[in-house]
Amino acid sequence: MAEDEPRGILCTLTPWKAALVGPFVDYVGLATILPLLPFFLLDLYKQIDSFSCPAGSRGESYPDLAAAQLACTNQTDCFGVYAGSCDDSTSFELCNAKETDWVDAADSSCVYRKGEVSTAACQL
């Protein structure tokens, strides 16, 4: 594996967040901190309104945004998370199209654009 490749979710966190969550995961287990994932993924994703991921470029569907963002974060071919309605979506799909291929949408759909994956937390 190349040195600059991400190696999982901790590579996407700022170093202070990784240091904060590490001891809790060891002590209480991963399932206990799952509700905190939106806080840790907040720095990585940005909501882009009035855009849609092309239908042929959508991947797996998830019931909540945090689960979709976590899945997208760990996939190199995922560039964002598509929501059919950013106001009250109940389904979030992975978007495998680059931002330049997204299409304008007249409805309330949006794409949560995945930012650059920081490998700072992976440097040991």
PDB file of N, CA and C in Angstrom:
ATOM      1  N   MET A   1       0.855  -1.177   0.000  1.00  0.00           N
ATOM      2  CA  MET A   1       0.000   0.000   0.000  1.00  0.00           C
ATOM      3  C   MET A   1       0.896   1.234   0.000  1.00  0.00           C
ATOM      4  N   ALA A   2       0.547   2.194  -0.819  1.00  0.00           N
ATOM      5  CA  ALA A   2       1.310   3.440  -0.883  1.00  0.00           C
ATOM      6  C   ALA A   2       1.184   4.193   0.432  1.00  0.00           C
ATOM      7  N   GLU A   3       2.206   4.962   0.752  1.00  0.00           N
ATOM      8  CA  GLU A   3       2.219   5.654   2.033  1.00  0.00           C
ATOM      9  C   GLU A   3       1.116   6.696   2.148  1.00  0.00           C
ATOM     10  N   ASP A   4       0.687   7.296   1.033  1.00  0.00           N
ATOM     11  CA  ASP A   4      -0.329   8.342   1.106  1.00  0.00           C
ATOM     12  C   ASP A   4      -1.756   7.810   0.959  1.00  0.00           C
ATOM     13  N   GLU A   5      -1.939   6.485   0.869  1.00  0.00           N
ATOM     14  CA  GLU A   5      -3.274   5.924   0.776  1.00  0.00           C
ATOM     15  C   GLU A   5      -3.938   5.883   2.145  1.00  0.00           C
ATOM     16  N   PRO A   6      -5.237   6.205   2.209  1.00  0.00           N
ATOM     17  CA  PRO A   6      -5.940   6.113   3.485  1.00  0.00           C
ATOM     18  C   PRO A   6      -6.090   4.654   3.904  1.00  0.00           C
ATOM     19  N   ARG A   7      -6.085   4.428   5.200  1.00  0.00           N
ATOM     20  CA  ARG A   7      -6.194   3.066   5.714  1.00  0.00           C
ATOM     21  C   ARG A   7      -7.400   2.898   6.615  1.00  0.00           C
ATOM     22  N   GLY A   8      -8.485   3.574   6.349  1.00  0.00           N
ATOM     23  CA  GLY A   8      -9.690   3.408   7.149  1.00  0.00           C
ATOM     24  C   GLY A   8     -10.172   4.713   7.721  1.00  0.00           C
ATOM     25  N   ILE A   9     -11.214   4.639   8.524  1.00  0.00           N
ATOM     26  CA  ILE A   9     -11.920   5.820   9.011  1.00  0.00           C
ATOM     27  C   ILE A   9     -11.023   6.745   9.831  1.00  0.00           C
ATOM     28  N   LEU A  10     -10.099   6.236  10.610  1.00  0.00           N
ATOM     29  CA  LEU A  10      -9.272   7.129  11.420  1.00  0.00           C
ATOM     30  C   LEU A  10      -8.390   8.024  10.572  1.00  0.00           C
ATOM     31  N   CYS A  11      -8.130   7.621   9.349  1.00  0.00           N
ATOM     32  CA  CYS A  11      -7.312   8.453   8.462  1.00  0.00           C
ATOM     33  C   CYS A  11      -8.068   9.679   7.996  1.00  0.00           C
ATOM     34  N   THR A  12      -9.366   9.707   8.140  1.00  0.00           N
ATOM     35  CA  THR A  12     -10.150  10.840   7.674  1.00  0.00           C
ATOM     36  C   THR A  12     -10.412  11.843   8.791  1.00  0.00           C
ATOM     37  N   LEU A  13     -10.020  11.526   9.980  1.00  0.00           N
ATOM     38  CA  LEU A  13     -10.258  12.406  11.114  1.00  0.00           C
ATOM     39  C   LEU A  13      -9.084  13.345  11.325  1.00  0.00           C
ATOM     40  N   THR A  14      -9.406  14.522  11.835  1.00  0.00           N
ATOM     41  CA  THR A  14      -8.313  15.396  12.236  1.00  0.00           C
ATOM     42  C   THR A  14      -7.602  14.716  13.406  1.00  0.00           C
ATOM     43  N   PRO A  15      -6.324  14.956  13.571  1.00  0.00           N
ATOM     44  CA  PRO A  15      -5.591  14.245  14.623  1.00  0.00           C
ATOM     45  C   PRO A  15      -6.185  14.402  16.021  1.00  0.00           C
ATOM     46  N   TRP A  16      -6.714  15.583  16.348  1.00  0.00           N
ATOM     47  CA  TRP A  16      -7.256  15.760  17.700  1.00  0.00           C
ATOM     48  C   TRP A  16      -8.518  14.929  17.897  1.00  0.00           C
ATOM     49  N   LYS A  17      -9.311  14.737  16.825  1.00  0.00           N
ATOM     50  CA  LYS A  17     -10.514  13.904  16.959  1.00  0.00           C
ATOM     51  C   LYS A  17     -10.131  12.431  17.096  1.00  0.00           C
ATOM     52  N   ALA A  18      -9.110  12.007  16.353  1.00  0.00           N
ATOM     53  CA  ALA A  18      -8.658  10.625  16.459  1.00  0.00           C
ATOM     54  C   ALA A  18      -8.137  10.337  17.864  1.00  0.00           C
ATOM     55  N   ALA A  19      -7.408  11.290  18.421  1.00  0.00           N
ATOM     56  CA  ALA A  19      -6.886  11.120  19.777  1.00  0.00           C
ATOM     57  C   ALA A  19      -8.010  11.093  20.794  1.00  0.00           C
ATOM     58  N   LEU A  20      -9.064  11.849  20.531  1.00  0.00           N
ATOM     59  CA  LEU A  20     -10.203  11.911  21.442  1.00  0.00           C
ATOM     60  C   LEU A  20     -11.012  10.625  21.439  1.00  0.00           C
ATOM     61  N   VAL A  21     -11.237  10.054  20.263  1.00  0.00           N
ATOM     62  CA  VAL A  21     -12.122   8.894  20.171  1.00  0.00           C
ATOM     63  C   VAL A  21     -11.412   7.570  20.468  1.00  0.00           C
ATOM     64  N   GLY A  22     -10.110   7.485  20.240  1.00  0.00           N
ATOM     65  CA  GLY A  22      -9.379   6.236  20.415  1.00  0.00           C
ATOM     66  C   GLY A  22      -9.603   5.534  21.742  1.00  0.00           C
ATOM     67  N   PRO A  23      -9.372   6.200  22.877  1.00  0.00           N
ATOM     68  CA  PRO A  23      -9.566   5.539  24.166  1.00  0.00           C
ATOM     69  C   PRO A  23     -11.012   5.085  24.414  1.00  0.00           C
ATOM     70  N   PHE A  24     -11.975   5.836  23.900  1.00  0.00           N
ATOM     71  CA  PHE A  24     -13.373   5.447  24.091  1.00  0.00           C
ATOM     72  C   PHE A  24     -13.715   4.187  23.317  1.00  0.00           C
ATOM     73  N   VAL A  25     -13.171   4.055  22.113  1.00  0.00           N
ATOM     74  CA  VAL A  25     -13.421   2.856  21.319  1.00  0.00           C
ATOM     75  C   VAL A  25     -12.848   1.649  22.037  1.00  0.00           C
ATOM     76  N   ASP A  26     -11.645   1.783  22.585  1.00  0.00           N
ATOM     77  CA  ASP A  26     -11.025   0.675  23.309  1.00  0.00           C
ATOM     78  C   ASP A  26     -11.832   0.285  24.534  1.00  0.00           C
ATOM     79  N   TYR A  27     -12.388   1.267  25.214  1.00  0.00           N
ATOM     80  CA  TYR A  27     -13.073   1.007  26.476  1.00  0.00           C
ATOM     81  C   TYR A  27     -14.518   0.544  26.287  1.00  0.00           C
ATOM     82  N   VAL A  28     -15.291   1.243  25.459  1.00  0.00           N
ATOM     83  CA  VAL A  28     -16.719   0.941  25.369  1.00  0.00           C
ATOM     84  C   VAL A  28     -17.111   0.212  24.088  1.00  0.00           C
ATOM     85  N   GLY A  29     -16.251   0.125  23.124  1.00  0.00           N
ATOM     86  CA  GLY A  29     -16.564  -0.570  21.882  1.00  0.00           C
ATOM     87  C   GLY A  29     -17.080   0.367  20.809  1.00  0.00           C
ATOM     88  N   LEU A  30     -16.934  -0.059  19.578  1.00  0.00           N
ATOM     89  CA  LEU A  30     -17.302   0.757  18.434  1.00  0.00           C
ATOM     90  C   LEU A  30     -18.796   1.067  18.384  1.00  0.00           C
ATOM     91  N   ALA A  31     -19.653   0.105  18.726  1.00  0.00           N
ATOM     92  CA  ALA A  31     -21.103   0.316  18.635  1.00  0.00           C
ATOM     93  C   ALA A  31     -21.565   1.474  19.518  1.00  0.00           C
ATOM     94  N   THR A  32     -20.886   1.713  20.596  1.00  0.00           N
ATOM     95  CA  THR A  32     -21.269   2.785  21.502  1.00  0.00           C
ATOM     96  C   THR A  32     -20.986   4.160  20.914  1.00  0.00           C
ATOM     97  N   ILE A  33     -19.961   4.271  20.087  1.00  0.00           N
ATOM     98  CA  ILE A  33     -19.631   5.591  19.542  1.00  0.00           C
ATOM     99  C   ILE A  33     -20.268   5.867  18.183  1.00  0.00           C
ATOM    100  N   LEU A  34     -20.960   4.888  17.589  1.00  0.00           N
ATOM    101  CA  LEU A  34     -21.583   5.111  16.286  1.00  0.00           C
ATOM    102  C   LEU A  34     -22.486   6.340  16.239  1.00  0.00           C
ATOM    103  N   PRO A  35     -23.260   6.653  17.288  1.00  0.00           N
ATOM    104  CA  PRO A  35     -24.068   7.882  17.225  1.00  0.00           C
ATOM    105  C   PRO A  35     -23.232   9.156  17.123  1.00  0.00           C
ATOM    106  N   LEU A  36     -21.954   9.087  17.447  1.00  0.00           N
ATOM    107  CA  LEU A  36     -21.078  10.255  17.368  1.00  0.00           C
ATOM    108  C   LEU A  36     -20.477  10.454  15.974  1.00  0.00           C
ATOM    109  N   LEU A  37     -20.688   9.516  15.057  1.00  0.00           N
ATOM    110  CA  LEU A  37     -20.069   9.606  13.742  1.00  0.00           C
ATOM    111  C   LEU A  37     -20.372  10.899  12.999  1.00  0.00           C
ATOM    112  N   PRO A  38     -21.589  11.433  13.036  1.00  0.00           N
ATOM    113  CA  PRO A  38     -21.806  12.699  12.320  1.00  0.00           C
ATOM    114  C   PRO A  38     -20.843  13.802  12.763  1.00  0.00           C
ATOM    115  N   PHE A  39     -20.508  13.841  14.040  1.00  0.00           N
ATOM    116  CA  PHE A  39     -19.560  14.833  14.553  1.00  0.00           C
ATOM    117  C   PHE A  39     -18.177  14.633  13.932  1.00  0.00           C
ATOM    118  N   PHE A  40     -17.752  13.394  13.816  1.00  0.00           N
ATOM    119  CA  PHE A  40     -16.424  13.113  13.302  1.00  0.00           C
ATOM    120  C   PHE A  40     -16.338  13.238  11.785  1.00  0.00           C
ATOM    121  N   LEU A  41     -17.461  13.073  11.081  1.00  0.00           N
ATOM    122  CA  LEU A  41     -17.473  13.185   9.634  1.00  0.00           C
ATOM    123  C   LEU A  41     -17.806  14.593   9.164  1.00  0.00           C
ATOM    124  N   LEU A  42     -18.167  15.468  10.089  1.00  0.00           N
ATOM    125  CA  LEU A  42     -18.594  16.815   9.750  1.00  0.00           C
ATOM    126  C   LEU A  42     -17.530  17.575   8.959  1.00  0.00           C
ATOM    127  N   ASP A  43     -16.285  17.410   9.304  1.00  0.00           N
ATOM    128  CA  ASP A  43     -15.197  18.104   8.631  1.00  0.00           C
ATOM    129  C   ASP A  43     -14.959  17.598   7.209  1.00  0.00           C
ATOM    130  N   LEU A  44     -15.399  16.407   6.905  1.00  0.00           N
ATOM    131  CA  LEU A  44     -15.077  15.772   5.641  1.00  0.00           C
ATOM    132  C   LEU A  44     -16.095  16.039   4.541  1.00  0.00           C
ATOM    133  N   TYR A  45     -17.364  16.231   4.887  1.00  0.00           N
ATOM    134  CA  TYR A  45     -18.421  16.363   3.881  1.00  0.00           C
ATOM    135  C   TYR A  45     -19.029  17.762   3.868  1.00  0.00           C
ATOM    136  N   LYS A  46     -19.336  18.241   2.638  1.00  0.00           N
ATOM    137  CA  LYS A  46     -19.982  19.539   2.483  1.00  0.00           C
ATOM    138  C   LYS A  46     -21.235  19.359   1.626  1.00  0.00           C
ATOM    139  N   GLN A  47     -22.350  19.900   2.103  1.00  0.00           N
ATOM    140  CA  GLN A  47     -23.616  19.787   1.378  1.00  0.00           C
ATOM    141  C   GLN A  47     -23.617  20.736   0.181  1.00  0.00           C
ATOM    142  N   ILE A  48     -23.865  20.180  -1.006  1.00  0.00           N
ATOM    143  CA  ILE A  48     -23.952  20.964  -2.244  1.00  0.00           C
ATOM    144  C   ILE A  48     -25.401  20.872  -2.720  1.00  0.00           C
ATOM    145  N   ASP A  49     -26.157  21.961  -2.557  1.00  0.00           N
ATOM    146  CA  ASP A  49     -27.580  21.970  -2.895  1.00  0.00           C
ATOM    147  C   ASP A  49     -27.821  22.043  -4.397  1.00  0.00           C
ATOM    148  N   SER A  50     -28.998  21.591  -4.794  1.00  0.00           N
ATOM    149  CA  SER A  50     -29.486  21.665  -6.181  1.00  0.00           C
ATOM    150  C   SER A  50     -28.609  20.925  -7.184  1.00  0.00           C
ATOM    151  N   PHE A  51     -27.981  19.860  -6.740  1.00  0.00           N
ATOM    152  CA  PHE A  51     -27.223  18.996  -7.634  1.00  0.00           C
ATOM    153  C   PHE A  51     -27.667  17.561  -7.417  1.00  0.00           C
ATOM    154  N   SER A  52     -27.502  16.763  -8.458  1.00  0.00           N
ATOM    155  CA  SER A  52     -27.884  15.359  -8.408  1.00  0.00           C
ATOM    156  C   SER A  52     -26.747  14.511  -8.944  1.00  0.00           C
ATOM    157  N   CYS A  53     -26.609  13.346  -8.387  1.00  0.00           N
ATOM    158  CA  CYS A  53     -25.656  12.371  -8.896  1.00  0.00           C
ATOM    159  C   CYS A  53     -26.357  11.625 -10.039  1.00  0.00           C
ATOM    160  N   PRO A  54     -25.735  11.496 -11.202  1.00  0.00           N
ATOM    161  CA  PRO A  54     -26.380  10.792 -12.301  1.00  0.00           C
ATOM    162  C   PRO A  54     -26.845   9.391 -11.879  1.00  0.00           C
ATOM    163  N   ALA A  55     -28.036   9.001 -12.325  1.00  0.00           N
ATOM    164  CA  ALA A  55     -28.642   7.732 -11.897  1.00  0.00           C
ATOM    165  C   ALA A  55     -27.725   6.532 -12.127  1.00  0.00           C
ATOM    166  N   GLY A  56     -26.990   6.509 -13.224  1.00  0.00           N
ATOM    167  CA  GLY A  56     -26.103   5.389 -13.513  1.00  0.00           C
ATOM    168  C   GLY A  56     -24.846   5.353 -12.662  1.00  0.00           C
ATOM    169  N   SER A  57     -24.623   6.409 -11.879  1.00  0.00           N
ATOM    170  CA  SER A  57     -23.418   6.502 -11.054  1.00  0.00           C
ATOM    171  C   SER A  57     -23.705   6.344  -9.572  1.00  0.00           C
ATOM    172  N   ARG A  58     -24.925   5.959  -9.245  1.00  0.00           N
ATOM    173  CA  ARG A  58     -25.282   5.796  -7.833  1.00  0.00           C
ATOM    174  C   ARG A  58     -24.997   4.370  -7.379  1.00  0.00           C
ATOM    175  N   GLY A  59     -24.534   4.281  -6.148  1.00  0.00           N
ATOM    176  CA  GLY A  59     -24.191   2.980  -5.584  1.00  0.00           C
ATOM    177  C   GLY A  59     -25.190   2.541  -4.534  1.00  0.00           C
ATOM    178  N   GLU A  60     -24.683   1.901  -3.503  1.00  0.00           N
ATOM    179  CA  GLU A  60     -25.519   1.367  -2.435  1.00  0.00           C
ATOM    180  C   GLU A  60     -26.345   2.451  -1.768  1.00  0.00           C
ATOM    181  N   SER A  61     -27.498   2.046  -1.232  1.00  0.00           N
ATOM    182  CA  SER A  61     -28.398   2.959  -0.536  1.00  0.00           C
ATOM    183  C   SER A  61     -28.331   2.690   0.973  1.00  0.00           C
ATOM    184  N   TYR A  62     -28.410   3.761   1.758  1.00  0.00           N
ATOM    185  CA  TYR A  62     -28.341   3.659   3.219  1.00  0.00           C
ATOM    186  C   TYR A  62     -29.503   4.431   3.839  1.00  0.00           C
ATOM    187  N   PRO A  63     -29.984   3.997   5.007  1.00  0.00           N
ATOM    188  CA  PRO A  63     -31.136   4.655   5.643  1.00  0.00           C
ATOM    189  C   PRO A  63     -30.804   5.978   6.330  1.00  0.00           C
ATOM    190  N   ASP A  64     -29.525   6.211   6.622  1.00  0.00           N
ATOM    191  CA  ASP A  64     -29.176   7.489   7.268  1.00  0.00           C
ATOM    192  C   ASP A  64     -27.866   8.028   6.704  1.00  0.00           C
ATOM    193  N   LEU A  65     -27.701   9.323   6.846  1.00  0.00           N
ATOM    194  CA  LEU A  65     -26.566  10.026   6.261  1.00  0.00           C
ATOM    195  C   LEU A  65     -25.234   9.563   6.838  1.00  0.00           C
ATOM    196  N   ALA A  66     -25.157   9.377   8.140  1.00  0.00           N
ATOM    197  CA  ALA A  66     -23.886   8.989   8.772  1.00  0.00           C
ATOM    198  C   ALA A  66     -23.389   7.646   8.242  1.00  0.00           C
ATOM    199  N   ALA A  67     -24.294   6.689   8.074  1.00  0.00           N
ATOM    200  CA  ALA A  67     -23.897   5.370   7.565  1.00  0.00           C
ATOM    201  C   ALA A  67     -23.400   5.478   6.127  1.00  0.00           C
ATOM    202  N   ALA A  68     -24.084   6.288   5.313  1.00  0.00           N
ATOM    203  CA  ALA A  68     -23.674   6.465   3.922  1.00  0.00           C
ATOM    204  C   ALA A  68     -22.317   7.166   3.848  1.00  0.00           C
ATOM    205  N   GLN A  69     -22.115   8.182   4.671  1.00  0.00           N
ATOM    206  CA  GLN A  69     -20.837   8.896   4.673  1.00  0.00           C
ATOM    207  C   GLN A  69     -19.699   7.986   5.118  1.00  0.00           C
ATOM    208  N   LEU A  70     -19.943   7.162   6.111  1.00  0.00           N
ATOM    209  CA  LEU A  70     -18.921   6.233   6.576  1.00  0.00           C
ATOM    210  C   LEU A  70     -18.545   5.264   5.467  1.00  0.00           C
ATOM    211  N   ALA A  71     -19.553   4.729   4.763  1.00  0.00           N
ATOM    212  CA  ALA A  71     -19.280   3.801   3.662  1.00  0.00           C
ATOM    213  C   ALA A  71     -18.508   4.499   2.544  1.00  0.00           C
ATOM    214  N   CYS A  72     -18.912   5.716   2.212  1.00  0.00           N
ATOM    215  CA  CYS A  72     -18.247   6.476   1.145  1.00  0.00           C
ATOM    216  C   CYS A  72     -16.809   6.808   1.526  1.00  0.00           C
ATOM    217  N   THR A  73     -16.594   7.149   2.768  1.00  0.00           N
ATOM    218  CA  THR A  73     -15.263   7.511   3.245  1.00  0.00           C
ATOM    219  C   THR A  73     -14.264   6.389   3.011  1.00  0.00           C
ATOM    220  N   ASN A  74     -14.706   5.154   3.147  1.00  0.00           N
ATOM    221  CA  ASN A  74     -13.814   4.008   3.018  1.00  0.00           C
ATOM    222  C   ASN A  74     -13.733   3.454   1.605  1.00  0.00           C
ATOM    223  N   GLN A  75     -14.325   4.153   0.617  1.00  0.00           N
ATOM    224  CA  GLN A  75     -14.265   3.711  -0.774  1.00  0.00           C
ATOM    225  C   GLN A  75     -13.598   4.797  -1.624  1.00  0.00           C
ATOM    226  N   THR A  76     -12.550   4.439  -2.320  1.00  0.00           N
ATOM    227  CA  THR A  76     -11.829   5.422  -3.124  1.00  0.00           C
ATOM    228  C   THR A  76     -12.614   5.864  -4.354  1.00  0.00           C
ATOM    229  N   ASP A  77     -13.553   5.043  -4.827  1.00  0.00           N
ATOM    230  CA  ASP A  77     -14.328   5.407  -6.012  1.00  0.00           C
ATOM    231  C   ASP A  77     -15.633   6.117  -5.670  1.00  0.00           C
ATOM    232  N   CYS A  78     -15.818   6.510  -4.432  1.00  0.00           N
ATOM    233  CA  CYS A  78     -17.004   7.253  -4.003  1.00  0.00           C
ATOM    234  C   CYS A  78     -16.601   8.718  -3.823  1.00  0.00           C
ATOM    235  N   PHE A  79     -17.381   9.615  -4.459  1.00  0.00           N
ATOM    236  CA  PHE A  79     -17.042  11.041  -4.420  1.00  0.00           C
ATOM    237  C   PHE A  79     -18.042  11.865  -3.617  1.00  0.00           C
ATOM    238  N   GLY A  80     -19.088  11.217  -3.108  1.00  0.00           N
ATOM    239  CA  GLY A  80     -20.076  11.928  -2.323  1.00  0.00           C
ATOM    240  C   GLY A  80     -21.265  11.047  -2.002  1.00  0.00           C
ATOM    241  N   VAL A  81     -22.231  11.644  -1.310  1.00  0.00           N
ATOM    242  CA  VAL A  81     -23.460  10.946  -0.938  1.00  0.00           C
ATOM    243  C   VAL A  81     -24.637  11.738  -1.495  1.00  0.00           C
ATOM    244  N   TYR A  82     -25.477  11.075  -2.265  1.00  0.00           N
ATOM    245  CA  TYR A  82     -26.639  11.720  -2.891  1.00  0.00           C
ATOM    246  C   TYR A  82     -27.876  11.556  -2.016  1.00  0.00           C
ATOM    247  N   ALA A  83     -28.616  12.653  -1.851  1.00  0.00           N
ATOM    248  CA  ALA A  83     -29.891  12.627  -1.124  1.00  0.00           C
ATOM    249  C   ALA A  83     -30.973  13.160  -2.063  1.00  0.00           C
ATOM    250  N   GLY A  84     -32.018  12.380  -2.270  1.00  0.00           N
ATOM    251  CA  GLY A  84     -33.107  12.786  -3.158  1.00  0.00           C
ATOM    252  C   GLY A  84     -33.822  14.029  -2.676  1.00  0.00           C
ATOM    253  N   SER A  85     -33.853  14.202  -1.368  1.00  0.00           N
ATOM    254  CA  SER A  85     -34.438  15.402  -0.779  1.00  0.00           C
ATOM    255  C   SER A  85     -33.612  15.774   0.438  1.00  0.00           C
ATOM    256  N   CYS A  86     -32.893  16.852   0.354  1.00  0.00           N
ATOM    257  CA  CYS A  86     -32.030  17.242   1.474  1.00  0.00           C
ATOM    258  C   CYS A  86     -32.836  17.705   2.682  1.00  0.00           C
ATOM    259  N   ASP A  87     -34.104  18.013   2.465  1.00  0.00           N
ATOM    260  CA  ASP A  87     -34.944  18.471   3.569  1.00  0.00           C
ATOM    261  C   ASP A  87     -35.390  17.323   4.466  1.00  0.00           C
ATOM    262  N   ASP A  88     -35.751  16.202   3.860  1.00  0.00           N
ATOM    263  CA  ASP A  88     -36.294  15.096   4.658  1.00  0.00           C
ATOM    264  C   ASP A  88     -36.036  13.741   4.015  1.00  0.00           C
ATOM    265  N   SER A  89     -34.842  13.532   3.535  1.00  0.00           N
ATOM    266  CA  SER A  89     -34.523  12.283   2.845  1.00  0.00           C
ATOM    267  C   SER A  89     -34.479  11.114   3.813  1.00  0.00           C
ATOM    268  N   THR A  90     -34.985   9.980   3.335  1.00  0.00           N
ATOM    269  CA  THR A  90     -34.936   8.752   4.129  1.00  0.00           C
ATOM    270  C   THR A  90     -34.031   7.727   3.459  1.00  0.00           C
ATOM    271  N   SER A  91     -33.403   8.129   2.378  1.00  0.00           N
ATOM    272  CA  SER A  91     -32.499   7.239   1.661  1.00  0.00           C
ATOM    273  C   SER A  91     -31.316   8.047   1.133  1.00  0.00           C
ATOM    274  N   PHE A  92     -30.136   7.511   1.339  1.00  0.00           N
ATOM    275  CA  PHE A  92     -28.907   8.170   0.910  1.00  0.00           C
ATOM    276  C   PHE A  92     -28.111   7.169   0.082  1.00  0.00           C
ATOM    277  N   GLU A  93     -27.694   7.591  -1.098  1.00  0.00           N
ATOM    278  CA  GLU A  93     -26.981   6.703  -2.008  1.00  0.00           C
ATOM    279  C   GLU A  93     -25.560   7.197  -2.253  1.00  0.00           C
ATOM    280  N   LEU A  94     -24.640   6.263  -2.376  1.00  0.00           N
ATOM    281  CA  LEU A  94     -23.264   6.623  -2.681  1.00  0.00           C
ATOM    282  C   LEU A  94     -23.202   7.144  -4.109  1.00  0.00           C
ATOM    283  N   CYS A  95     -22.387   8.150  -4.333  1.00  0.00           N
ATOM    284  CA  CYS A  95     -22.237   8.736  -5.670  1.00  0.00           C
ATOM    285  C   CYS A  95     -20.837   8.435  -6.179  1.00  0.00           C
ATOM    286  N   ASN A  96     -20.780   7.650  -7.250  1.00  0.00           N
ATOM    287  CA  ASN A  96     -19.494   7.246  -7.812  1.00  0.00           C
ATOM    288  C   ASN A  96     -19.063   8.125  -8.979  1.00  0.00           C
ATOM    289  N   ALA A  97     -19.774   9.232  -9.199  1.00  0.00           N
ATOM    290  CA  ALA A  97     -19.417  10.177 -10.270  1.00  0.00           C
ATOM    291  C   ALA A  97     -18.621  11.332  -9.673  1.00  0.00           C
ATOM    292  N   LYS A  98     -17.633  11.801 -10.418  1.00  0.00           N
ATOM    293  CA  LYS A  98     -16.870  12.968  -9.971  1.00  0.00           C
ATOM    294  C   LYS A  98     -17.759  14.202 -10.021  1.00  0.00           C
ATOM    295  N   GLU A  99     -17.399  15.207  -9.249  1.00  0.00           N
ATOM    296  CA  GLU A  99     -18.218  16.418  -9.143  1.00  0.00           C
ATOM    297  C   GLU A  99     -18.475  17.067 -10.503  1.00  0.00           C
ATOM    298  N   THR A 100     -17.549  16.966 -11.405  1.00  0.00           N
ATOM    299  CA  THR A 100     -17.730  17.568 -12.730  1.00  0.00           C
ATOM    300  C   THR A 100     -18.832  16.876 -13.527  1.00  0.00           C
ATOM    301  N   ASP A 101     -19.219  15.673 -13.129  1.00  0.00           N
ATOM    302  CA  ASP A 101     -20.282  14.929 -13.815  1.00  0.00           C
ATOM    303  C   ASP A 101     -21.643  15.069 -13.146  1.00  0.00           C
ATOM    304  N   TRP A 102     -21.710  15.750 -12.010  1.00  0.00           N
ATOM    305  CA  TRP A 102     -22.999  15.936 -11.343  1.00  0.00           C
ATOM    306  C   TRP A 102     -23.876  16.834 -12.206  1.00  0.00           C
ATOM    307  N   VAL A 103     -25.186  16.672 -12.094  1.00  0.00           N
ATOM    308  CA  VAL A 103     -26.115  17.443 -12.918  1.00  0.00           C
ATOM    309  C   VAL A 103     -26.934  18.401 -12.053  1.00  0.00           C
ATOM    310  N   ASP A 104     -27.286  19.536 -12.650  1.00  0.00           N
ATOM    311  CA  ASP A 104     -28.145  20.502 -11.954  1.00  0.00           C
ATOM    312  C   ASP A 104     -29.491  19.865 -11.676  1.00  0.00           C
ATOM    313  N   ALA A 105     -30.053  20.171 -10.524  1.00  0.00           N
ATOM    314  CA  ALA A 105     -31.355  19.628 -10.146  1.00  0.00           C
ATOM    315  C   ALA A 105     -32.273  20.771  -9.745  1.00  0.00           C
ATOM    316  N   ALA A 106     -33.484  20.742 -10.252  1.00  0.00           N
ATOM    317  CA  ALA A 106     -34.458  21.783  -9.928  1.00  0.00           C
ATOM    318  C   ALA A 106     -35.201  21.467  -8.628  1.00  0.00           C
ATOM    319  N   ASP A 107     -35.071  20.242  -8.158  1.00  0.00           N
ATOM    320  CA  ASP A 107     -35.776  19.852  -6.929  1.00  0.00           C
ATOM    321  C   ASP A 107     -34.887  20.098  -5.696  1.00  0.00           C
ATOM    322  N   SER A 108     -35.250  19.504  -4.591  1.00  0.00           N
ATOM    323  CA  SER A 108     -34.515  19.745  -3.338  1.00  0.00           C
ATOM    324  C   SER A 108     -33.406  18.726  -3.106  1.00  0.00           C
ATOM    325  N   SER A 109     -32.980  18.034  -4.156  1.00  0.00           N
ATOM    326  CA  SER A 109     -31.913  17.058  -3.977  1.00  0.00           C
ATOM    327  C   SER A 109     -30.571  17.754  -3.782  1.00  0.00           C
ATOM    328  N   CYS A 110     -29.633  17.011  -3.247  1.00  0.00           N
ATOM    329  CA  CYS A 110     -28.290  17.542  -3.035  1.00  0.00           C
ATOM    330  C   CYS A 110     -27.292  16.402  -2.989  1.00  0.00           C
ATOM    331  N   VAL A 111     -26.047  16.766  -3.033  1.00  0.00           N
ATOM    332  CA  VAL A 111     -24.964  15.801  -2.891  1.00  0.00           C
ATOM    333  C   VAL A 111     -24.057  16.310  -1.782  1.00  0.00           C
ATOM    334  N   TYR A 112     -23.705  15.415  -0.887  1.00  0.00           N
ATOM    335  CA  TYR A 112     -22.730  15.745   0.156  1.00  0.00           C
ATOM    336  C   TYR A 112     -21.364  15.370  -0.411  1.00  0.00           C
ATOM    337  N   ARG A 113     -20.606  16.391  -0.796  1.00  0.00           N
ATOM    338  CA  ARG A 113     -19.314  16.178  -1.442  1.00  0.00           C
ATOM    339  C   ARG A 113     -18.276  15.717  -0.423  1.00  0.00           C
ATOM    340  N   LYS A 114     -17.575  14.643  -0.769  1.00  0.00           N
ATOM    341  CA  LYS A 114     -16.504  14.138   0.092  1.00  0.00           C
ATOM    342  C   LYS A 114     -15.275  14.999  -0.120  1.00  0.00           C
ATOM    343  N   GLY A 115     -14.700  15.466   0.967  1.00  0.00           N
ATOM    344  CA  GLY A 115     -13.498  16.289   0.898  1.00  0.00           C
ATOM    345  C   GLY A 115     -12.249  15.443   0.772  1.00  0.00           C
ATOM    346  N   GLU A 116     -11.138  16.101   0.846  1.00  0.00           N
ATOM    347  CA  GLU A 116      -9.855  15.407   0.783  1.00  0.00           C
ATOM    348  C   GLU A 116      -9.664  14.566   2.033  1.00  0.00           C
ATOM    349  N   VAL A 117      -9.201  13.368   1.848  1.00  0.00           N
ATOM    350  CA  VAL A 117      -8.946  12.465   2.960  1.00  0.00           C
ATOM    351  C   VAL A 117      -7.580  12.790   3.534  1.00  0.00           C
ATOM    352  N   SER A 118      -7.566  13.159   4.794  1.00  0.00           N
ATOM    353  CA  SER A 118      -6.313  13.501   5.456  1.00  0.00           C
ATOM    354  C   SER A 118      -5.659  12.233   5.991  1.00  0.00           C
ATOM    355  N   THR A 119      -4.400  12.083   5.717  1.00  0.00           N
ATOM    356  CA  THR A 119      -3.685  10.921   6.255  1.00  0.00           C
ATOM    357  C   THR A 119      -2.846  11.303   7.471  1.00  0.00           C
ATOM    358  N   ALA A 120      -3.071  12.501   7.984  1.00  0.00           N
ATOM    359  CA  ALA A 120      -2.271  12.955   9.121  1.00  0.00           C
ATOM    360  C   ALA A 120      -2.426  12.041  10.321  1.00  0.00           C
ATOM    361  N   ALA A 121      -3.635  11.515  10.551  1.00  0.00           N
ATOM    362  CA  ALA A 121      -3.856  10.649  11.705  1.00  0.00           C
ATOM    363  C   ALA A 121      -3.226   9.286  11.500  1.00  0.00           C
ATOM    364  N   CYS A 122      -2.842   8.944  10.275  1.00  0.00           N
ATOM    365  CA  CYS A 122      -2.241   7.644   9.997  1.00  0.00           C
ATOM    366  C   CYS A 122      -0.735   7.648  10.193  1.00  0.00           C
ATOM    367  N   GLN A 123      -0.152   8.821  10.272  1.00  0.00           N
ATOM    368  CA  GLN A 123       1.292   8.898  10.427  1.00  0.00           C
ATOM    369  C   GLN A 123       1.674   8.507  11.840  1.00  0.00           C
ATOM    370  N   LEU A 124       2.427   7.462  11.968  1.00  0.00           N
ATOM    371  CA  LEU A 124       2.832   6.987  13.300  1.00  0.00           C
ATOM    372  C   LEU A 124       4.271   7.340  13.574  1.00  0.00           C
TER     373      LEU A 124
END
